[in-house]
Amino acid sequence: MPNIKSAKKRVLVIEKKTLRNQMIKSALKTAIKRFDVALGNKDVDAANAAFRFAVKKLDQAVAKGVLHKNTASHKKSQMALKLKAIA
């Protein structure tokens, strides 16, 4: 446990940031899972909607600094290939 005031504050700030990052990552994972389920069901309309939502969540994660932009770009590219395969 820290003794210095600034170190105590850093602990509190890091806890808040960790919770925010977990929330963003969880929402992103859920969106990607919904896309995968729609792909598995061969439902093109649902997959398109889920793809758009997942891309939005990826872009939000990049904007918040949770993901690197290249990681998000790679994930979007892979999802687009999967979507194109069933369309």
PDB file of N, CA and C in Angstrom:
ATOM      1  N   MET A   1       0.845  -1.190   0.000  1.00  0.00           N
ATOM      2  CA  MET A   1       0.000   0.000   0.000  1.00  0.00           C
ATOM      3  C   MET A   1       0.883   1.244   0.000  1.00  0.00           C
ATOM      4  N   PRO A   2       0.580   2.211  -0.858  1.00  0.00           N
ATOM      5  CA  PRO A   2       1.428   3.404  -0.947  1.00  0.00           C
ATOM      6  C   PRO A   2       1.263   4.318   0.265  1.00  0.00           C
ATOM      7  N   ASN A   3       2.340   5.026   0.582  1.00  0.00           N
ATOM      8  CA  ASN A   3       2.334   5.971   1.696  1.00  0.00           C
ATOM      9  C   ASN A   3       2.243   7.419   1.220  1.00  0.00           C
ATOM     10  N   ILE A   4       2.729   7.674   0.031  1.00  0.00           N
ATOM     11  CA  ILE A   4       2.762   9.038  -0.491  1.00  0.00           C
ATOM     12  C   ILE A   4       1.410   9.380  -1.113  1.00  0.00           C
ATOM     13  N   LYS A   5       0.984  10.626  -0.911  1.00  0.00           N
ATOM     14  CA  LYS A   5      -0.339  11.052  -1.363  1.00  0.00           C
ATOM     15  C   LYS A   5      -0.534  10.873  -2.868  1.00  0.00           C
ATOM     16  N   SER A   6       0.457  11.242  -3.665  1.00  0.00           N
ATOM     17  CA  SER A   6       0.324  11.118  -5.114  1.00  0.00           C
ATOM     18  C   SER A   6       0.231   9.656  -5.537  1.00  0.00           C
ATOM     19  N   ALA A   7       0.929   8.778  -4.829  1.00  0.00           N
ATOM     20  CA  ALA A   7       0.865   7.348  -5.140  1.00  0.00           C
ATOM     21  C   ALA A   7      -0.508   6.787  -4.792  1.00  0.00           C
ATOM     22  N   LYS A   8      -1.085   7.267  -3.706  1.00  0.00           N
ATOM     23  CA  LYS A   8      -2.441   6.839  -3.328  1.00  0.00           C
ATOM     24  C   LYS A   8      -3.437   7.260  -4.395  1.00  0.00           C
ATOM     25  N   LYS A   9      -3.260   8.485  -4.897  1.00  0.00           N
ATOM     26  CA  LYS A   9      -4.155   8.972  -5.940  1.00  0.00           C
ATOM     27  C   LYS A   9      -4.004   8.143  -7.212  1.00  0.00           C
ATOM     28  N   ARG A  10      -2.773   7.797  -7.580  1.00  0.00           N
ATOM     29  CA  ARG A  10      -2.545   6.992  -8.775  1.00  0.00           C
ATOM     30  C   ARG A  10      -3.258   5.647  -8.678  1.00  0.00           C
ATOM     31  N   VAL A  11      -3.262   5.049  -7.489  1.00  0.00           N
ATOM     32  CA  VAL A  11      -3.950   3.774  -7.286  1.00  0.00           C
ATOM     33  C   VAL A  11      -5.436   3.938  -7.588  1.00  0.00           C
ATOM     34  N   LEU A  12      -6.033   5.021  -7.085  1.00  0.00           N
ATOM     35  CA  LEU A  12      -7.460   5.257  -7.316  1.00  0.00           C
ATOM     36  C   LEU A  12      -7.752   5.512  -8.797  1.00  0.00           C
ATOM     37  N   VAL A  13      -6.898   6.311  -9.433  1.00  0.00           N
ATOM     38  CA  VAL A  13      -7.108   6.641 -10.840  1.00  0.00           C
ATOM     39  C   VAL A  13      -6.968   5.392 -11.707  1.00  0.00           C
ATOM     40  N   ILE A  14      -5.972   4.564 -11.398  1.00  0.00           N
ATOM     41  CA  ILE A  14      -5.756   3.347 -12.181  1.00  0.00           C
ATOM     42  C   ILE A  14      -6.930   2.391 -12.024  1.00  0.00           C
ATOM     43  N   GLU A  15      -7.512   2.319 -10.832  1.00  0.00           N
ATOM     44  CA  GLU A  15      -8.692   1.468 -10.631  1.00  0.00           C
ATOM     45  C   GLU A  15      -9.839   1.923 -11.527  1.00  0.00           C
ATOM     46  N   LYS A  16     -10.060   3.232 -11.597  1.00  0.00           N
ATOM     47  CA  LYS A  16     -11.134   3.761 -12.444  1.00  0.00           C
ATOM     48  C   LYS A  16     -10.866   3.464 -13.922  1.00  0.00           C
ATOM     49  N   LYS A  17      -9.622   3.672 -14.350  1.00  0.00           N
ATOM     50  CA  LYS A  17      -9.276   3.420 -15.747  1.00  0.00           C
ATOM     51  C   LYS A  17      -9.413   1.945 -16.083  1.00  0.00           C
ATOM     52  N   THR A  18      -9.028   1.089 -15.140  1.00  0.00           N
ATOM     53  CA  THR A  18      -9.131  -0.347 -15.361  1.00  0.00           C
ATOM     54  C   THR A  18     -10.582  -0.756 -15.548  1.00  0.00           C
ATOM     55  N   LEU A  19     -11.466  -0.215 -14.726  1.00  0.00           N
ATOM     56  CA  LEU A  19     -12.893  -0.523 -14.853  1.00  0.00           C
ATOM     57  C   LEU A  19     -13.440  -0.049 -16.199  1.00  0.00           C
ATOM     58  N   ARG A  20     -13.034   1.146 -16.611  1.00  0.00           N
ATOM     59  CA  ARG A  20     -13.494   1.685 -17.893  1.00  0.00           C
ATOM     60  C   ARG A  20     -13.011   0.811 -19.042  1.00  0.00           C
ATOM     61  N   ASN A  21     -11.741   0.428 -18.985  1.00  0.00           N
ATOM     62  CA  ASN A  21     -11.180  -0.411 -20.047  1.00  0.00           C
ATOM     63  C   ASN A  21     -11.864  -1.771 -20.094  1.00  0.00           C
ATOM     64  N   GLN A  22     -12.147  -2.358 -18.934  1.00  0.00           N
ATOM     65  CA  GLN A  22     -12.847  -3.645 -18.879  1.00  0.00           C
ATOM     66  C   GLN A  22     -14.234  -3.529 -19.498  1.00  0.00           C
ATOM     67  N   MET A  23     -14.915  -2.435 -19.213  1.00  0.00           N
ATOM     68  CA  MET A  23     -16.254  -2.221 -19.755  1.00  0.00           C
ATOM     69  C   MET A  23     -16.211  -2.132 -21.281  1.00  0.00           C
ATOM     70  N   ILE A  24     -15.242  -1.391 -21.796  1.00  0.00           N
ATOM     71  CA  ILE A  24     -15.117  -1.230 -23.238  1.00  0.00           C
ATOM     72  C   ILE A  24     -14.762  -2.554 -23.904  1.00  0.00           C
ATOM     73  N   LYS A  25     -13.820  -3.293 -23.316  1.00  0.00           N
ATOM     74  CA  LYS A  25     -13.412  -4.586 -23.879  1.00  0.00           C
ATOM     75  C   LYS A  25     -14.551  -5.589 -23.847  1.00  0.00           C
ATOM     76  N   SER A  26     -15.325  -5.576 -22.773  1.00  0.00           N
ATOM     77  CA  SER A  26     -16.444  -6.511 -22.646  1.00  0.00           C
ATOM     78  C   SER A  26     -17.496  -6.238 -23.715  1.00  0.00           C
ATOM     79  N   ALA A  27     -17.828  -4.965 -23.917  1.00  0.00           N
ATOM     80  CA  ALA A  27     -18.809  -4.599 -24.939  1.00  0.00           C
ATOM     81  C   ALA A  27     -18.304  -4.991 -26.330  1.00  0.00           C
ATOM     82  N   LEU A  28     -17.016  -4.824 -26.554  1.00  0.00           N
ATOM     83  CA  LEU A  28     -16.421  -5.184 -27.838  1.00  0.00           C
ATOM     84  C   LEU A  28     -16.494  -6.691 -28.076  1.00  0.00           C
ATOM     85  N   LYS A  29     -16.138  -7.471 -27.062  1.00  0.00           N
ATOM     86  CA  LYS A  29     -16.183  -8.927 -27.188  1.00  0.00           C
ATOM     87  C   LYS A  29     -17.604  -9.408 -27.446  1.00  0.00           C
ATOM     88  N   THR A  30     -18.570  -8.802 -26.775  1.00  0.00           N
ATOM     89  CA  THR A  30     -19.975  -9.169 -26.968  1.00  0.00           C
ATOM     90  C   THR A  30     -20.406  -8.889 -28.400  1.00  0.00           C
ATOM     91  N   ALA A  31     -20.013  -7.730 -28.921  1.00  0.00           N
ATOM     92  CA  ALA A  31     -20.379  -7.364 -30.292  1.00  0.00           C
ATOM     93  C   ALA A  31     -19.779  -8.346 -31.289  1.00  0.00           C
ATOM     94  N   ILE A  32     -18.536  -8.748 -31.073  1.00  0.00           N
ATOM     95  CA  ILE A  32     -17.881  -9.688 -31.985  1.00  0.00           C
ATOM     96  C   ILE A  32     -18.542 -11.064 -31.888  1.00  0.00           C
ATOM     97  N   LYS A  33     -18.923 -11.474 -30.686  1.00  0.00           N
ATOM     98  CA  LYS A  33     -19.600 -12.765 -30.514  1.00  0.00           C
ATOM     99  C   LYS A  33     -20.955 -12.768 -31.222  1.00  0.00           C
ATOM    100  N   ARG A  34     -21.678 -11.654 -31.151  1.00  0.00           N
ATOM    101  CA  ARG A  34     -22.960 -11.561 -31.847  1.00  0.00           C
ATOM    102  C   ARG A  34     -22.761 -11.680 -33.355  1.00  0.00           C
ATOM    103  N   PHE A  35     -21.694 -11.091 -33.857  1.00  0.00           N
ATOM    104  CA  PHE A  35     -21.376 -11.199 -35.274  1.00  0.00           C
ATOM    105  C   PHE A  35     -21.083 -12.656 -35.638  1.00  0.00           C
ATOM    106  N   ASP A  36     -20.303 -13.337 -34.810  1.00  0.00           N
ATOM    107  CA  ASP A  36     -19.972 -14.741 -35.075  1.00  0.00           C
ATOM    108  C   ASP A  36     -21.210 -15.634 -35.043  1.00  0.00           C
ATOM    109  N   VAL A  37     -22.128 -15.354 -34.119  1.00  0.00           N
ATOM    110  CA  VAL A  37     -23.370 -16.134 -34.040  1.00  0.00           C
ATOM    111  C   VAL A  37     -24.202 -15.927 -35.298  1.00  0.00           C
ATOM    112  N   ALA A  38     -24.297 -14.676 -35.751  1.00  0.00           N
ATOM    113  CA  ALA A  38     -25.052 -14.388 -36.977  1.00  0.00           C
ATOM    114  C   ALA A  38     -24.409 -15.076 -38.177  1.00  0.00           C
ATOM    115  N   LEU A  39     -23.085 -15.130 -38.204  1.00  0.00           N
ATOM    116  CA  LEU A  39     -22.398 -15.840 -39.286  1.00  0.00           C
ATOM    117  C   LEU A  39     -22.706 -17.332 -39.223  1.00  0.00           C
ATOM    118  N   GLY A  40     -22.699 -17.875 -38.028  1.00  0.00           N
ATOM    119  CA  GLY A  40     -22.967 -19.298 -37.854  1.00  0.00           C
ATOM    120  C   GLY A  40     -24.360 -19.684 -38.303  1.00  0.00           C
ATOM    121  N   ASN A  41     -25.308 -18.761 -38.132  1.00  0.00           N
ATOM    122  CA  ASN A  41     -26.696 -19.014 -38.539  1.00  0.00           C
ATOM    123  C   ASN A  41     -26.926 -18.714 -40.014  1.00  0.00           C
ATOM    124  N   LYS A  42     -25.894 -18.245 -40.704  1.00  0.00           N
ATOM    125  CA  LYS A  42     -25.989 -17.882 -42.125  1.00  0.00           C
ATOM    126  C   LYS A  42     -27.036 -16.796 -42.387  1.00  0.00           C
ATOM    127  N   ASP A  43     -27.257 -15.938 -41.385  1.00  0.00           N
ATOM    128  CA  ASP A  43     -28.231 -14.850 -41.501  1.00  0.00           C
ATOM    129  C   ASP A  43     -27.489 -13.595 -41.978  1.00  0.00           C
ATOM    130  N   VAL A  44     -27.611 -13.296 -43.274  1.00  0.00           N
ATOM    131  CA  VAL A  44     -26.837 -12.209 -43.870  1.00  0.00           C
ATOM    132  C   VAL A  44     -27.252 -10.853 -43.310  1.00  0.00           C
ATOM    133  N   ASP A  45     -28.550 -10.614 -43.152  1.00  0.00           N
ATOM    134  CA  ASP A  45     -29.019  -9.317 -42.640  1.00  0.00           C
ATOM    135  C   ASP A  45     -28.539  -9.079 -41.216  1.00  0.00           C
ATOM    136  N   ALA A  46     -28.700 -10.079 -40.381  1.00  0.00           N
ATOM    137  CA  ALA A  46     -28.250  -9.951 -38.988  1.00  0.00           C
ATOM    138  C   ALA A  46     -26.735  -9.812 -38.926  1.00  0.00           C
ATOM    139  N   ALA A  47     -26.032 -10.517 -39.799  1.00  0.00           N
ATOM    140  CA  ALA A  47     -24.572 -10.431 -39.817  1.00  0.00           C
ATOM    141  C   ALA A  47     -24.115  -9.038 -40.243  1.00  0.00           C
ATOM    142  N   ASN A  48     -24.817  -8.446 -41.215  1.00  0.00           N
ATOM    143  CA  ASN A  48     -24.482  -7.080 -41.638  1.00  0.00           C
ATOM    144  C   ASN A  48     -24.670  -6.092 -40.498  1.00  0.00           C
ATOM    145  N   ALA A  49     -25.798  -6.214 -39.808  1.00  0.00           N
ATOM    146  CA  ALA A  49     -26.067  -5.311 -38.690  1.00  0.00           C
ATOM    147  C   ALA A  49     -25.039  -5.512 -37.574  1.00  0.00           C
ATOM    148  N   ALA A  50     -24.742  -6.761 -37.276  1.00  0.00           N
ATOM    149  CA  ALA A  50     -23.771  -7.062 -36.223  1.00  0.00           C
ATOM    150  C   ALA A  50     -22.375  -6.590 -36.628  1.00  0.00           C
ATOM    151  N   PHE A  51     -22.060  -6.690 -37.910  1.00  0.00           N
ATOM    152  CA  PHE A  51     -20.759  -6.223 -38.409  1.00  0.00           C
ATOM    153  C   PHE A  51     -20.613  -4.719 -38.213  1.00  0.00           C
ATOM    154  N   ARG A  52     -21.645  -3.978 -38.592  1.00  0.00           N
ATOM    155  CA  ARG A  52     -21.596  -2.520 -38.434  1.00  0.00           C
ATOM    156  C   ARG A  52     -21.441  -2.140 -36.955  1.00  0.00           C
ATOM    157  N   PHE A  53     -22.170  -2.837 -36.084  1.00  0.00           N
ATOM    158  CA  PHE A  53     -22.095  -2.542 -34.651  1.00  0.00           C
ATOM    159  C   PHE A  53     -20.706  -2.885 -34.104  1.00  0.00           C
ATOM    160  N   ALA A  54     -20.148  -4.017 -34.532  1.00  0.00           N
ATOM    161  CA  ALA A  54     -18.826  -4.432 -34.061  1.00  0.00           C
ATOM    162  C   ALA A  54     -17.751  -3.455 -34.533  1.00  0.00           C
ATOM    163  N   VAL A  55     -17.870  -2.979 -35.765  1.00  0.00           N
ATOM    164  CA  VAL A  55     -16.911  -2.003 -36.281  1.00  0.00           C
ATOM    165  C   VAL A  55     -16.993  -0.715 -35.470  1.00  0.00           C
ATOM    166  N   LYS A  56     -18.202  -0.317 -35.124  1.00  0.00           N
ATOM    167  CA  LYS A  56     -18.380   0.878 -34.302  1.00  0.00           C
ATOM    168  C   LYS A  56     -17.692   0.703 -32.948  1.00  0.00           C
ATOM    169  N   LYS A  57     -17.882  -0.458 -32.328  1.00  0.00           N
ATOM    170  CA  LYS A  57     -17.266  -0.719 -31.027  1.00  0.00           C
ATOM    171  C   LYS A  57     -15.742  -0.765 -31.140  1.00  0.00           C
ATOM    172  N   LEU A  58     -15.218  -1.325 -32.235  1.00  0.00           N
ATOM    173  CA  LEU A  58     -13.774  -1.343 -32.445  1.00  0.00           C
ATOM    174  C   LEU A  58     -13.224   0.081 -32.552  1.00  0.00           C
ATOM    175  N   ASP A  59     -13.918   0.921 -33.314  1.00  0.00           N
ATOM    176  CA  ASP A  59     -13.471   2.298 -33.479  1.00  0.00           C
ATOM    177  C   ASP A  59     -13.526   3.059 -32.151  1.00  0.00           C
ATOM    178  N   GLN A  60     -14.546   2.784 -31.353  1.00  0.00           N
ATOM    179  CA  GLN A  60     -14.640   3.427 -30.041  1.00  0.00           C
ATOM    180  C   GLN A  60     -13.496   2.981 -29.134  1.00  0.00           C
ATOM    181  N   ALA A  61     -13.151   1.700 -29.188  1.00  0.00           N
ATOM    182  CA  ALA A  61     -12.050   1.193 -28.366  1.00  0.00           C
ATOM    183  C   ALA A  61     -10.728   1.846 -28.772  1.00  0.00           C
ATOM    184  N   VAL A  62     -10.545   2.058 -30.069  1.00  0.00           N
ATOM    185  CA  VAL A  62      -9.332   2.732 -30.536  1.00  0.00           C
ATOM    186  C   VAL A  62      -9.321   4.178 -30.054  1.00  0.00           C
ATOM    187  N   ALA A  63     -10.460   4.849 -30.144  1.00  0.00           N
ATOM    188  CA  ALA A  63     -10.544   6.249 -29.733  1.00  0.00           C
ATOM    189  C   ALA A  63     -10.257   6.409 -28.239  1.00  0.00           C
ATOM    190  N   LYS A  64     -10.644   5.423 -27.445  1.00  0.00           N
ATOM    191  CA  LYS A  64     -10.410   5.483 -26.002  1.00  0.00           C
ATOM    192  C   LYS A  64      -9.013   5.004 -25.613  1.00  0.00           C
ATOM    193  N   GLY A  65      -8.265   4.479 -26.589  1.00  0.00           N
ATOM    194  CA  GLY A  65      -6.913   4.026 -26.291  1.00  0.00           C
ATOM    195  C   GLY A  65      -6.835   2.621 -25.737  1.00  0.00           C
ATOM    196  N   VAL A  66      -7.924   1.861 -25.863  1.00  0.00           N
ATOM    197  CA  VAL A  66      -7.944   0.495 -25.341  1.00  0.00           C
ATOM    198  C   VAL A  66      -7.288  -0.465 -26.326  1.00  0.00           C
ATOM    199  N   LEU A  67      -7.475  -0.207 -27.614  1.00  0.00           N
ATOM    200  CA  LEU A  67      -6.887  -1.039 -28.670  1.00  0.00           C
ATOM    201  C   LEU A  67      -5.986  -0.181 -29.562  1.00  0.00           C
ATOM    202  N   HIS A  68      -4.985  -0.814 -30.143  1.00  0.00           N
ATOM    203  CA  HIS A  68      -4.161  -0.146 -31.143  1.00  0.00           C
ATOM    204  C   HIS A  68      -4.932  -0.110 -32.455  1.00  0.00           C
ATOM    205  N   LYS A  69      -4.727   0.937 -33.230  1.00  0.00           N
ATOM    206  CA  LYS A  69      -5.495   1.093 -34.464  1.00  0.00           C
ATOM    207  C   LYS A  69      -5.241  -0.036 -35.457  1.00  0.00           C
ATOM    208  N   ASN A  70      -4.014  -0.569 -35.489  1.00  0.00           N
ATOM    209  CA  ASN A  70      -3.722  -1.668 -36.408  1.00  0.00           C
ATOM    210  C   ASN A  70      -4.431  -2.950 -35.990  1.00  0.00           C
ATOM    211  N   THR A  71      -4.561  -3.167 -34.687  1.00  0.00           N
ATOM    212  CA  THR A  71      -5.285  -4.338 -34.182  1.00  0.00           C
ATOM    213  C   THR A  71      -6.751  -4.263 -34.607  1.00  0.00           C
ATOM    214  N   ALA A  72      -7.339  -3.094 -34.436  1.00  0.00           N
ATOM    215  CA  ALA A  72      -8.736  -2.910 -34.819  1.00  0.00           C
ATOM    216  C   ALA A  72      -8.907  -3.076 -36.327  1.00  0.00           C
ATOM    217  N   SER A  73      -7.978  -2.535 -37.081  1.00  0.00           N
ATOM    218  CA  SER A  73      -8.048  -2.649 -38.536  1.00  0.00           C
ATOM    219  C   SER A  73      -7.967  -4.107 -38.969  1.00  0.00           C
ATOM    220  N   HIS A  74      -7.100  -4.869 -38.329  1.00  0.00           N
ATOM    221  CA  HIS A  74      -6.958  -6.293 -38.652  1.00  0.00           C
ATOM    222  C   HIS A  74      -8.252  -7.043 -38.329  1.00  0.00           C
ATOM    223  N   LYS A  75      -8.842  -6.760 -37.174  1.00  0.00           N
ATOM    224  CA  LYS A  75     -10.087  -7.430 -36.789  1.00  0.00           C
ATOM    225  C   LYS A  75     -11.216  -7.090 -37.766  1.00  0.00           C
ATOM    226  N   LYS A  76     -11.301  -5.820 -38.154  1.00  0.00           N
ATOM    227  CA  LYS A  76     -12.338  -5.408 -39.102  1.00  0.00           C
ATOM    228  C   LYS A  76     -12.153  -6.106 -40.440  1.00  0.00           C
ATOM    229  N   SER A  77     -10.909  -6.214 -40.876  1.00  0.00           N
ATOM    230  CA  SER A  77     -10.613  -6.857 -42.146  1.00  0.00           C
ATOM    231  C   SER A  77     -11.014  -8.330 -42.113  1.00  0.00           C
ATOM    232  N   GLN A  78     -10.679  -9.016 -41.042  1.00  0.00           N
ATOM    233  CA  GLN A  78     -11.017 -10.436 -40.921  1.00  0.00           C
ATOM    234  C   GLN A  78     -12.533 -10.644 -40.885  1.00  0.00           C
ATOM    235  N   MET A  79     -13.236  -9.762 -40.159  1.00  0.00           N
ATOM    236  CA  MET A  79     -14.694  -9.874 -40.091  1.00  0.00           C
ATOM    237  C   MET A  79     -15.314  -9.606 -41.459  1.00  0.00           C
ATOM    238  N   ALA A  80     -14.762  -8.645 -42.199  1.00  0.00           N
ATOM    239  CA  ALA A  80     -15.292  -8.336 -43.531  1.00  0.00           C
ATOM    240  C   ALA A  80     -15.109  -9.509 -44.474  1.00  0.00           C
ATOM    241  N   LEU A  81     -13.982 -10.201 -44.371  1.00  0.00           N
ATOM    242  CA  LEU A  81     -13.767 -11.386 -45.210  1.00  0.00           C
ATOM    243  C   LEU A  81     -14.776 -12.474 -44.894  1.00  0.00           C
ATOM    244  N   LYS A  82     -15.046 -12.689 -43.607  1.00  0.00           N
ATOM    245  CA  LYS A  82     -16.027 -13.705 -43.204  1.00  0.00           C
ATOM    246  C   LYS A  82     -17.416 -13.327 -43.710  1.00  0.00           C
ATOM    247  N   LEU A  83     -17.745 -12.043 -43.611  1.00  0.00           N
ATOM    248  CA  LEU A  83     -19.060 -11.581 -44.071  1.00  0.00           C
ATOM    249  C   LEU A  83     -19.196 -11.756 -45.575  1.00  0.00           C
ATOM    250  N   LYS A  84     -18.144 -11.453 -46.297  1.00  0.00           N
ATOM    251  CA  LYS A  84     -18.171 -11.579 -47.755  1.00  0.00           C
ATOM    252  C   LYS A  84     -18.333 -13.042 -48.172  1.00  0.00           C
ATOM    253  N   ALA A  85     -17.794 -13.947 -47.371  1.00  0.00           N
ATOM    254  CA  ALA A  85     -17.840 -15.371 -47.709  1.00  0.00           C
ATOM    255  C   ALA A  85     -19.273 -15.908 -47.655  1.00  0.00           C
ATOM    256  N   ILE A  86     -20.108 -15.391 -46.738  1.00  0.00           N
ATOM    257  CA  ILE A  86     -21.480 -15.911 -46.648  1.00  0.00           C
ATOM    258  C   ILE A  86     -22.446 -15.121 -47.525  1.00  0.00           C
ATOM    259  N   ALA A  87     -22.036 -13.947 -47.982  1.00  0.00           N
ATOM    260  CA  ALA A  87     -22.943 -13.095 -48.773  1.00  0.00           C
ATOM    261  C   ALA A  87     -23.067 -13.581 -50.208  1.00  0.00           C
TER     262      ALA A  87
END
